[in-house]
PDB file of N, CA and C in Angstrom:
ATOM      1  N   UNK A   1      -9.646 -30.301   5.686  1.00  0.00           N
ATOM      2  CA  UNK A   1     -10.376 -28.689   6.169  1.00  0.00           C
ATOM      3  C   UNK A   1      -9.124 -28.224   7.316  1.00  0.00           C
ATOM      4  N   UNK A   2      -9.053 -27.123   6.928  1.00  0.00           N
ATOM      5  CA  UNK A   2      -8.310 -25.616   7.201  1.00  0.00           C
ATOM      6  C   UNK A   2      -9.399 -25.704   8.447  1.00  0.00           C
ATOM      7  N   UNK A   3      -8.166 -25.300   9.913  1.00  0.00           N
ATOM      8  CA  UNK A   3      -9.020 -24.651  10.846  1.00  0.00           C
ATOM      9  C   UNK A   3      -8.884 -23.446  11.046  1.00  0.00           C
ATOM     10  N   UNK A   4      -9.602 -22.765  11.503  1.00  0.00           N
ATOM     11  CA  UNK A   4      -9.292 -20.826  11.446  1.00  0.00           C
ATOM     12  C   UNK A   4      -7.994 -20.241  12.015  1.00  0.00           C
ATOM     13  N   UNK A   5      -7.788 -21.137  12.949  1.00  0.00           N
ATOM     14  CA  UNK A   5      -6.370 -20.110  13.143  1.00  0.00           C
ATOM     15  C   UNK A   5      -5.004 -20.496  12.339  1.00  0.00           C
ATOM     16  N   UNK A   6      -5.096 -21.799  11.230  1.00  0.00           N
ATOM     17  CA  UNK A   6      -4.562 -21.689   9.963  1.00  0.00           C
ATOM     18  C   UNK A   6      -4.938 -20.999   9.170  1.00  0.00           C
ATOM     19  N   UNK A   7      -5.622 -20.250   9.151  1.00  0.00           N
ATOM     20  CA  UNK A   7      -6.666 -19.465   7.821  1.00  0.00           C
ATOM     21  C   UNK A   7      -5.554 -18.262   8.092  1.00  0.00           C
ATOM     22  N   UNK A   8      -6.281 -18.238   9.804  1.00  0.00           N
ATOM     23  CA  UNK A   8      -5.266 -16.361  10.255  1.00  0.00           C
ATOM     24  C   UNK A   8      -4.425 -16.181  10.064  1.00  0.00           C
ATOM     25  N   UNK A   9      -3.226 -17.641  10.259  1.00  0.00           N
ATOM     26  CA  UNK A   9      -2.131 -17.573   9.948  1.00  0.00           C
ATOM     27  C   UNK A   9      -1.506 -16.970   8.271  1.00  0.00           C
ATOM     28  N   UNK A  10      -1.953 -17.579   7.527  1.00  0.00           N
ATOM     29  CA  UNK A  10      -1.827 -17.517   6.195  1.00  0.00           C
ATOM     30  C   UNK A  10      -1.516 -16.570   5.866  1.00  0.00           C
ATOM     31  N   UNK A  11      -0.177 -16.431   5.425  1.00  0.00           N
ATOM     32  CA  UNK A  11       0.002 -14.961   5.135  1.00  0.00           C
ATOM     33  C   UNK A  11      -0.650 -13.828   3.696  1.00  0.00           C
ATOM     34  N   UNK A  12      -1.237 -14.704   2.960  1.00  0.00           N
ATOM     35  CA  UNK A  12      -1.880 -14.042   2.207  1.00  0.00           C
ATOM     36  C   UNK A  12      -3.716 -13.408   3.201  1.00  0.00           C
ATOM     37  N   UNK A  13      -4.083 -14.047   4.176  1.00  0.00           N
ATOM     38  CA  UNK A  13      -4.697 -13.878   4.767  1.00  0.00           C
ATOM     39  C   UNK A  13      -4.399 -12.531   5.491  1.00  0.00           C
ATOM     40  N   UNK A  14      -3.180 -12.359   5.763  1.00  0.00           N
ATOM     41  CA  UNK A  14      -2.818 -11.787   6.751  1.00  0.00           C
ATOM     42  C   UNK A  14      -2.725 -10.319   5.906  1.00  0.00           C
ATOM     43  N   UNK A  15      -2.060 -10.002   4.701  1.00  0.00           N
ATOM     44  CA  UNK A  15      -1.617  -9.037   3.881  1.00  0.00           C
ATOM     45  C   UNK A  15      -3.634  -8.581   3.602  1.00  0.00           C
ATOM     46  N   UNK A  16      -4.102  -9.393   3.059  1.00  0.00           N
ATOM     47  CA  UNK A  16      -5.732  -8.591   2.981  1.00  0.00           C
ATOM     48  C   UNK A  16      -5.845  -8.088   4.345  1.00  0.00           C
ATOM     49  N   UNK A  17      -5.708  -8.592   5.025  1.00  0.00           N
ATOM     50  CA  UNK A  17      -6.415  -7.898   6.566  1.00  0.00           C
ATOM     51  C   UNK A  17      -5.759  -6.241   6.580  1.00  0.00           C
ATOM     52  N   UNK A  18      -4.846  -6.573   6.182  1.00  0.00           N
ATOM     53  CA  UNK A  18      -3.752  -5.280   6.043  1.00  0.00           C
ATOM     54  C   UNK A  18      -4.362  -4.258   5.364  1.00  0.00           C
ATOM     55  N   UNK A  19      -4.874  -4.637   4.321  1.00  0.00           N
ATOM     56  CA  UNK A  19      -5.063  -3.971   2.642  1.00  0.00           C
ATOM     57  C   UNK A  19      -6.594  -3.286   3.380  1.00  0.00           C
ATOM     58  N   UNK A  20      -7.546  -3.985   4.419  1.00  0.00           N
ATOM     59  CA  UNK A  20      -8.846  -3.464   4.521  1.00  0.00           C
ATOM     60  C   UNK A  20      -8.250  -2.560   5.607  1.00  0.00           C
ATOM     61  N   UNK A  21      -7.423  -2.754   6.538  1.00  0.00           N
ATOM     62  CA  UNK A  21      -7.325  -1.768   7.624  1.00  0.00           C
ATOM     63  C   UNK A  21      -6.345  -0.435   6.986  1.00  0.00           C
ATOM     64  N   UNK A  22      -5.553  -0.379   5.859  1.00  0.00           N
ATOM     65  CA  UNK A  22      -5.300   0.247   5.052  1.00  0.00           C
ATOM     66  C   UNK A  22      -5.916   1.531   4.219  1.00  0.00           C
ATOM     67  N   UNK A  23      -7.223   0.334   4.035  1.00  0.00           N
ATOM     68  CA  UNK A  23      -8.201   1.236   3.096  1.00  0.00           C
ATOM     69  C   UNK A  23      -9.237   1.963   4.464  1.00  0.00           C
ATOM     70  N   UNK A  24      -9.414   1.342   5.383  1.00  0.00           N
ATOM     71  CA  UNK A  24     -10.140   2.353   5.935  1.00  0.00           C
ATOM     72  C   UNK A  24      -9.221   3.571   7.237  1.00  0.00           C
ATOM     73  N   UNK A  25      -8.018   3.655   7.168  1.00  0.00           N
ATOM     74  CA  UNK A  25      -6.787   4.610   7.363  1.00  0.00           C
ATOM     75  C   UNK A  25      -7.414   5.463   6.683  1.00  0.00           C
ATOM     76  N   UNK A  26      -7.237   5.272   5.153  1.00  0.00           N
ATOM     77  CA  UNK A  26      -6.916   6.645   4.228  1.00  0.00           C
ATOM     78  C   UNK A  26      -8.195   7.189   4.490  1.00  0.00           C
ATOM     79  N   UNK A  27      -9.420   6.066   4.703  1.00  0.00           N
ATOM     80  CA  UNK A  27     -10.670   6.950   4.885  1.00  0.00           C
ATOM     81  C   UNK A  27     -10.667   8.231   5.613  1.00  0.00           C
ATOM     82  N   UNK A  28     -10.361   7.553   6.447  1.00  0.00           N
ATOM     83  CA  UNK A  28     -10.588   8.489   8.123  1.00  0.00           C
ATOM     84  C   UNK A  28      -9.456   9.556   7.470  1.00  0.00           C
ATOM     85  N   UNK A  29      -8.074   9.310   7.277  1.00  0.00           N
ATOM     86  CA  UNK A  29      -7.598  10.751   7.194  1.00  0.00           C
ATOM     87  C   UNK A  29      -7.804  10.975   5.813  1.00  0.00           C
ATOM     88  N   UNK A  30      -8.609  10.906   4.776  1.00  0.00           N
ATOM     89  CA  UNK A  30      -9.406  11.504   3.447  1.00  0.00           C
ATOM     90  C   UNK A  30     -10.691  12.334   3.822  1.00  0.00           C
ATOM     91  N   UNK A  31     -11.406  12.443   5.375  1.00  0.00           N
ATOM     92  CA  UNK A  31     -12.854  13.212   5.864  1.00  0.00           C
ATOM     93  C   UNK A  31     -12.136  13.565   6.976  1.00  0.00           C
ATOM     94  N   UNK A  32     -10.656  14.272   6.447  1.00  0.00           N
ATOM     95  CA  UNK A  32      -9.669  15.296   8.112  1.00  0.00           C
ATOM     96  C   UNK A  32     -10.333  15.088   8.790  1.00  0.00           C
ATOM     97  N   UNK A  33      -9.251  13.850   9.368  1.00  0.00           N
ATOM     98  CA  UNK A  33      -9.250  13.304  10.694  1.00  0.00           C
ATOM     99  C   UNK A  33      -8.112  13.082  10.713  1.00  0.00           C
ATOM    100  N   UNK A  34      -7.443  13.405  11.739  1.00  0.00           N
ATOM    101  CA  UNK A  34      -6.313  12.925  12.380  1.00  0.00           C
ATOM    102  C   UNK A  34      -4.949  14.059  12.034  1.00  0.00           C
ATOM    103  N   UNK A  35      -4.540  14.303  10.911  1.00  0.00           N
ATOM    104  CA  UNK A  35      -3.638  15.515  10.200  1.00  0.00           C
ATOM    105  C   UNK A  35      -4.373  16.591  10.205  1.00  0.00           C
ATOM    106  N   UNK A  36      -4.037  18.023  10.238  1.00  0.00           N
ATOM    107  CA  UNK A  36      -4.628  19.077  10.139  1.00  0.00           C
ATOM    108  C   UNK A  36      -4.112  19.298   8.259  1.00  0.00           C
ATOM    109  N   UNK A  37      -2.913  19.093   8.496  1.00  0.00           N
ATOM    110  CA  UNK A  37      -1.592  20.068   7.107  1.00  0.00           C
ATOM    111  C   UNK A  37      -2.358  18.630   5.575  1.00  0.00           C
ATOM    112  N   UNK A  38      -3.053  19.831   4.907  1.00  0.00           N
ATOM    113  CA  UNK A  38      -3.694  19.265   3.800  1.00  0.00           C
ATOM    114  C   UNK A  38      -2.310  18.408   3.155  1.00  0.00           C
ATOM    115  N   UNK A  39      -1.399  19.393   2.872  1.00  0.00           N
ATOM    116  CA  UNK A  39      -0.503  18.578   2.036  1.00  0.00           C
ATOM    117  C   UNK A  39       0.551  17.346   2.894  1.00  0.00           C
ATOM    118  N   UNK A  40       0.607  17.281   4.025  1.00  0.00           N
ATOM    119  CA  UNK A  40       1.309  16.314   4.744  1.00  0.00           C
ATOM    120  C   UNK A  40      -0.240  14.714   5.029  1.00  0.00           C
ATOM    121  N   UNK A  41      -1.563  15.177   4.927  1.00  0.00           N
ATOM    122  CA  UNK A  41      -2.763  14.469   4.840  1.00  0.00           C
ATOM    123  C   UNK A  41      -2.501  13.476   3.597  1.00  0.00           C
ATOM    124  N   UNK A  42      -2.730  14.818   2.611  1.00  0.00           N
ATOM    125  CA  UNK A  42      -2.283  13.819   0.809  1.00  0.00           C
ATOM    126  C   UNK A  42      -1.027  13.283   0.532  1.00  0.00           C
ATOM    127  N   UNK A  43       0.251  13.626   0.981  1.00  0.00           N
ATOM    128  CA  UNK A  43       1.345  12.571   1.289  1.00  0.00           C
ATOM    129  C   UNK A  43       1.136  11.246   1.988  1.00  0.00           C
ATOM    130  N   UNK A  44       0.302  11.136   3.069  1.00  0.00           N
ATOM    131  CA  UNK A  44       0.296   9.797   3.914  1.00  0.00           C
ATOM    132  C   UNK A  44      -0.772   9.332   2.973  1.00  0.00           C
ATOM    133  N   UNK A  45      -1.565   9.666   2.352  1.00  0.00           N
ATOM    134  CA  UNK A  45      -2.703   8.602   2.179  1.00  0.00           C
ATOM    135  C   UNK A  45      -2.284   8.371   1.050  1.00  0.00           C
ATOM    136  N   UNK A  46      -1.802   9.229   0.025  1.00  0.00           N
ATOM    137  CA  UNK A  46      -0.585   8.717  -1.225  1.00  0.00           C
ATOM    138  C   UNK A  46       0.376   7.265  -0.590  1.00  0.00           C
ATOM    139  N   UNK A  47       0.794   7.765   0.542  1.00  0.00           N
ATOM    140  CA  UNK A  47       2.465   6.315   0.832  1.00  0.00           C
ATOM    141  C   UNK A  47       1.404   4.936   0.679  1.00  0.00           C
ATOM    142  N   UNK A  48       0.567   5.023   1.483  1.00  0.00           N
ATOM    143  CA  UNK A  48      -0.557   4.193   2.403  1.00  0.00           C
ATOM    144  C   UNK A  48      -1.218   3.801   0.358  1.00  0.00           C
ATOM    145  N   UNK A  49      -1.410   4.230  -0.343  1.00  0.00           N
ATOM    146  CA  UNK A  49      -1.900   4.241  -1.406  1.00  0.00           C
ATOM    147  C   UNK A  49      -0.597   3.073  -2.491  1.00  0.00           C
ATOM    148  N   UNK A  50       0.405   3.285  -1.899  1.00  0.00           N
ATOM    149  CA  UNK A  50       1.275   2.938  -3.095  1.00  0.00           C
ATOM    150  C   UNK A  50       1.650   1.623  -2.197  1.00  0.00           C
ATOM    151  N   UNK A  51       1.893   1.674  -0.783  1.00  0.00           N
ATOM    152  CA  UNK A  51       2.158   0.357   0.310  1.00  0.00           C
ATOM    153  C   UNK A  51       1.609  -0.410  -0.402  1.00  0.00           C
ATOM    154  N   UNK A  52      -0.008  -0.167  -0.438  1.00  0.00           N
ATOM    155  CA  UNK A  52      -0.965  -1.047  -0.846  1.00  0.00           C
ATOM    156  C   UNK A  52      -1.088  -2.260  -2.137  1.00  0.00           C
ATOM    157  N   UNK A  53      -0.496  -1.041  -3.339  1.00  0.00           N
ATOM    158  CA  UNK A  53       0.150  -1.130  -4.511  1.00  0.00           C
ATOM    159  C   UNK A  53       1.160  -2.414  -4.500  1.00  0.00           C
ATOM    160  N   UNK A  54       2.306  -2.053  -3.612  1.00  0.00           N
ATOM    161  CA  UNK A  54       3.078  -2.741  -3.573  1.00  0.00           C
ATOM    162  C   UNK A  54       3.107  -4.353  -2.799  1.00  0.00           C
ATOM    163  N   UNK A  55       1.837  -4.135  -1.988  1.00  0.00           N
ATOM    164  CA  UNK A  55       1.312  -5.723  -1.463  1.00  0.00           C
ATOM    165  C   UNK A  55       0.549  -6.238  -2.519  1.00  0.00           C
ATOM    166  N   UNK A  56      -0.226  -6.054  -2.963  1.00  0.00           N
ATOM    167  CA  UNK A  56      -1.334  -6.382  -3.882  1.00  0.00           C
ATOM    168  C   UNK A  56      -0.052  -7.139  -4.667  1.00  0.00           C
ATOM    169  N   UNK A  57       0.638  -6.172  -5.285  1.00  0.00           N
ATOM    170  CA  UNK A  57       2.010  -6.821  -6.309  1.00  0.00           C
ATOM    171  C   UNK A  57       2.793  -8.063  -5.751  1.00  0.00           C
ATOM    172  N   UNK A  58       3.058  -7.905  -4.984  1.00  0.00           N
ATOM    173  CA  UNK A  58       3.521  -8.960  -4.360  1.00  0.00           C
ATOM    174  C   UNK A  58       3.069 -10.264  -4.395  1.00  0.00           C
ATOM    175  N   UNK A  59       1.882 -10.059  -3.485  1.00  0.00           N
ATOM    176  CA  UNK A  59       1.272 -11.279  -2.411  1.00  0.00           C
ATOM    177  C   UNK A  59       0.437 -11.853  -3.956  1.00  0.00           C
ATOM    178  N   UNK A  60      -0.586 -10.925  -4.216  1.00  0.00           N
ATOM    179  CA  UNK A  60      -1.310 -11.590  -5.149  1.00  0.00           C
ATOM    180  C   UNK A  60      -1.585 -11.314  -6.611  1.00  0.00           C
ATOM    181  N   UNK A  61      -0.361 -11.135  -7.248  1.00  0.00           N
ATOM    182  CA  UNK A  61       0.351 -10.775  -8.441  1.00  0.00           C
ATOM    183  C   UNK A  61       1.601 -11.432  -8.561  1.00  0.00           C
ATOM    184  N   UNK A  62       2.103 -11.881  -7.430  1.00  0.00           N
ATOM    185  CA  UNK A  62       2.668 -13.202  -6.772  1.00  0.00           C
ATOM    186  C   UNK A  62       4.339 -12.717  -7.501  1.00  0.00           C
ATOM    187  N   UNK A  63       4.560 -11.087  -7.292  1.00  0.00           N
ATOM    188  CA  UNK A  63       5.488 -10.778  -8.144  1.00  0.00           C
ATOM    189  C   UNK A  63       6.919 -10.893  -6.655  1.00  0.00           C
ATOM    190  N   UNK A  64       6.682 -11.636  -5.596  1.00  0.00           N
ATOM    191  CA  UNK A  64       7.660 -12.173  -4.564  1.00  0.00           C
ATOM    192  C   UNK A  64       8.314 -12.983  -5.122  1.00  0.00           C
ATOM    193  N   UNK A  65       7.674 -13.493  -6.225  1.00  0.00           N
ATOM    194  CA  UNK A  65       8.394 -14.568  -6.471  1.00  0.00           C
ATOM    195  C   UNK A  65       9.402 -14.450  -7.768  1.00  0.00           C
ATOM    196  N   UNK A  66       8.500 -13.652  -8.501  1.00  0.00           N
ATOM    197  CA  UNK A  66       9.400 -13.170  -9.785  1.00  0.00           C
ATOM    198  C   UNK A  66      11.146 -13.210  -9.745  1.00  0.00           C
ATOM    199  N   UNK A  67      11.720 -13.138 -11.144  1.00  0.00           N
ATOM    200  CA  UNK A  67      12.880 -13.159 -11.175  1.00  0.00           C
ATOM    201  C   UNK A  67      13.218 -11.413 -11.263  1.00  0.00           C
ATOM    202  N   UNK A  68      14.261 -11.070 -10.313  1.00  0.00           N
ATOM    203  CA  UNK A  68      15.042 -10.435  -9.440  1.00  0.00           C
ATOM    204  C   UNK A  68      14.803  -9.160 -10.883  1.00  0.00           C
ATOM    205  N   UNK A  69      14.861  -8.771 -11.711  1.00  0.00           N
ATOM    206  CA  UNK A  69      14.840  -7.584 -12.477  1.00  0.00           C
ATOM    207  C   UNK A  69      13.209  -7.203 -12.387  1.00  0.00           C
ATOM    208  N   UNK A  70      12.376  -7.862 -12.835  1.00  0.00           N
ATOM    209  CA  UNK A  70      11.258  -7.928 -12.848  1.00  0.00           C
ATOM    210  C   UNK A  70      10.600  -7.437 -11.514  1.00  0.00           C
ATOM    211  N   UNK A  71      10.632  -7.721 -10.374  1.00  0.00           N
ATOM    212  CA  UNK A  71      10.334  -8.042  -9.224  1.00  0.00           C
ATOM    213  C   UNK A  71      10.971  -6.224  -8.873  1.00  0.00           C
ATOM    214  N   UNK A  72      12.258  -6.271  -9.339  1.00  0.00           N
ATOM    215  CA  UNK A  72      12.990  -4.750  -8.912  1.00  0.00           C
ATOM    216  C   UNK A  72      12.660  -3.771 -10.157  1.00  0.00           C
ATOM    217  N   UNK A  73      12.172  -3.469 -10.970  1.00  0.00           N
ATOM    218  CA  UNK A  73      10.872  -3.080 -12.104  1.00  0.00           C
ATOM    219  C   UNK A  73       9.845  -2.515 -11.396  1.00  0.00           C
ATOM    220  N   UNK A  74       9.121  -3.332 -10.693  1.00  0.00           N
ATOM    221  CA  UNK A  74       8.007  -3.141  -9.589  1.00  0.00           C
ATOM    222  C   UNK A  74       8.072  -2.224  -8.901  1.00  0.00           C
ATOM    223  N   UNK A  75       9.020  -2.886  -8.010  1.00  0.00           N
ATOM    224  CA  UNK A  75       9.605  -1.839  -6.398  1.00  0.00           C
ATOM    225  C   UNK A  75       9.639  -0.468  -6.902  1.00  0.00           C
ATOM    226  N   UNK A  76      10.870  -0.088  -8.379  1.00  0.00           N
ATOM    227  CA  UNK A  76      11.342   0.891  -8.607  1.00  0.00           C
ATOM    228  C   UNK A  76      10.568   1.818  -8.915  1.00  0.00           C
ATOM    229  N   UNK A  77       9.507   1.252  -9.867  1.00  0.00           N
ATOM    230  CA  UNK A  77       7.959   1.798 -10.012  1.00  0.00           C
ATOM    231  C   UNK A  77       7.312   2.508  -9.174  1.00  0.00           C
ATOM    232  N   UNK A  78       6.758   1.321  -7.761  1.00  0.00           N
ATOM    233  CA  UNK A  78       5.896   1.818  -7.056  1.00  0.00           C
ATOM    234  C   UNK A  78       6.822   3.584  -6.131  1.00  0.00           C
ATOM    235  N   UNK A  79       8.107   3.233  -5.889  1.00  0.00           N
ATOM    236  CA  UNK A  79       9.245   4.120  -4.960  1.00  0.00           C
ATOM    237  C   UNK A  79       8.731   5.593  -6.455  1.00  0.00           C
ATOM    238  N   UNK A  80       9.408   5.625  -7.676  1.00  0.00           N
ATOM    239  CA  UNK A  80       9.422   7.095  -8.125  1.00  0.00           C
ATOM    240  C   UNK A  80       7.682   7.232  -8.343  1.00  0.00           C
ATOM    241  N   UNK A  81       6.519   6.448  -8.681  1.00  0.00           N
ATOM    242  CA  UNK A  81       5.368   7.057  -8.881  1.00  0.00           C
ATOM    243  C   UNK A  81       4.693   7.489  -7.749  1.00  0.00           C
ATOM    244  N   UNK A  82       5.322   7.292  -6.398  1.00  0.00           N
ATOM    245  CA  UNK A  82       4.707   7.915  -5.427  1.00  0.00           C
ATOM    246  C   UNK A  82       5.546   8.769  -4.800  1.00  0.00           C
ATOM    247  N   UNK A  83       6.955   9.585  -4.987  1.00  0.00           N
ATOM    248  CA  UNK A  83       7.856  10.537  -5.073  1.00  0.00           C
ATOM    249  C   UNK A  83       6.881  11.060  -6.001  1.00  0.00           C
ATOM    250  N   UNK A  84       6.978  11.365  -7.380  1.00  0.00           N
ATOM    251  CA  UNK A  84       6.837  12.141  -8.366  1.00  0.00           C
ATOM    252  C   UNK A  84       5.332  12.560  -7.945  1.00  0.00           C
ATOM    253  N   UNK A  85       4.576  11.829  -7.161  1.00  0.00           N
ATOM    254  CA  UNK A  85       3.006  12.226  -7.263  1.00  0.00           C
ATOM    255  C   UNK A  85       3.205  13.157  -6.350  1.00  0.00           C
ATOM    256  N   UNK A  86       3.644  12.996  -5.508  1.00  0.00           N
ATOM    257  CA  UNK A  86       3.398  13.644  -4.239  1.00  0.00           C
ATOM    258  C   UNK A  86       4.049  14.714  -4.607  1.00  0.00           C
ATOM    259  N   UNK A  87       4.998  15.109  -5.063  1.00  0.00           N
ATOM    260  CA  UNK A  87       6.031  15.974  -4.821  1.00  0.00           C
ATOM    261  C   UNK A  87       5.354  17.289  -6.648  1.00  0.00           C
ATOM    262  N   UNK A  88       4.678  16.268  -7.118  1.00  0.00           N
ATOM    263  CA  UNK A  88       3.456  17.549  -7.923  1.00  0.00           C
ATOM    264  C   UNK A  88       2.634  18.169  -7.143  1.00  0.00           C
ATOM    265  N   UNK A  89       2.052  17.383  -6.052  1.00  0.00           N
ATOM    266  CA  UNK A  89       0.776  17.517  -5.522  1.00  0.00           C
ATOM    267  C   UNK A  89       1.681  18.915  -4.066  1.00  0.00           C
ATOM    268  N   UNK A  90       2.619  18.672  -3.800  1.00  0.00           N
ATOM    269  CA  UNK A  90       3.074  19.959  -3.363  1.00  0.00           C
ATOM    270  C   UNK A  90       3.484  20.705  -3.803  1.00  0.00           C
ATOM    271  N   UNK A  91       3.831  20.872  -4.827  1.00  0.00           N
ATOM    272  CA  UNK A  91       4.586  21.998  -5.727  1.00  0.00           C
ATOM    273  C   UNK A  91       3.005  22.540  -6.755  1.00  0.00           C
ATOM    274  N   UNK A  92       2.095  21.918  -6.950  1.00  0.00           N
ATOM    275  CA  UNK A  92       1.172  22.870  -7.143  1.00  0.00           C
ATOM    276  C   UNK A  92       0.341  23.586  -6.329  1.00  0.00           C
TER     277      UNK A  92
END
């Protein structure tokens, strides 16, 4: 049986805690707290969302140990999707 300390030190548990905190941050920002500029707030919320996507892919879909080509494609997708969506929002 694992102890509580070992459970907290487990990498996946720490990532899960970060995902929960990031979700709460997105909710807080979406409720118009913290950042007054709509464009900046949206860019930050999208950034948090894609960091969460990346963490889920790496730790829960185990792309962290995938072949370099697959992991590179995933990392490229995350970056390209974030930049594209942010640019569309700012321009529109």
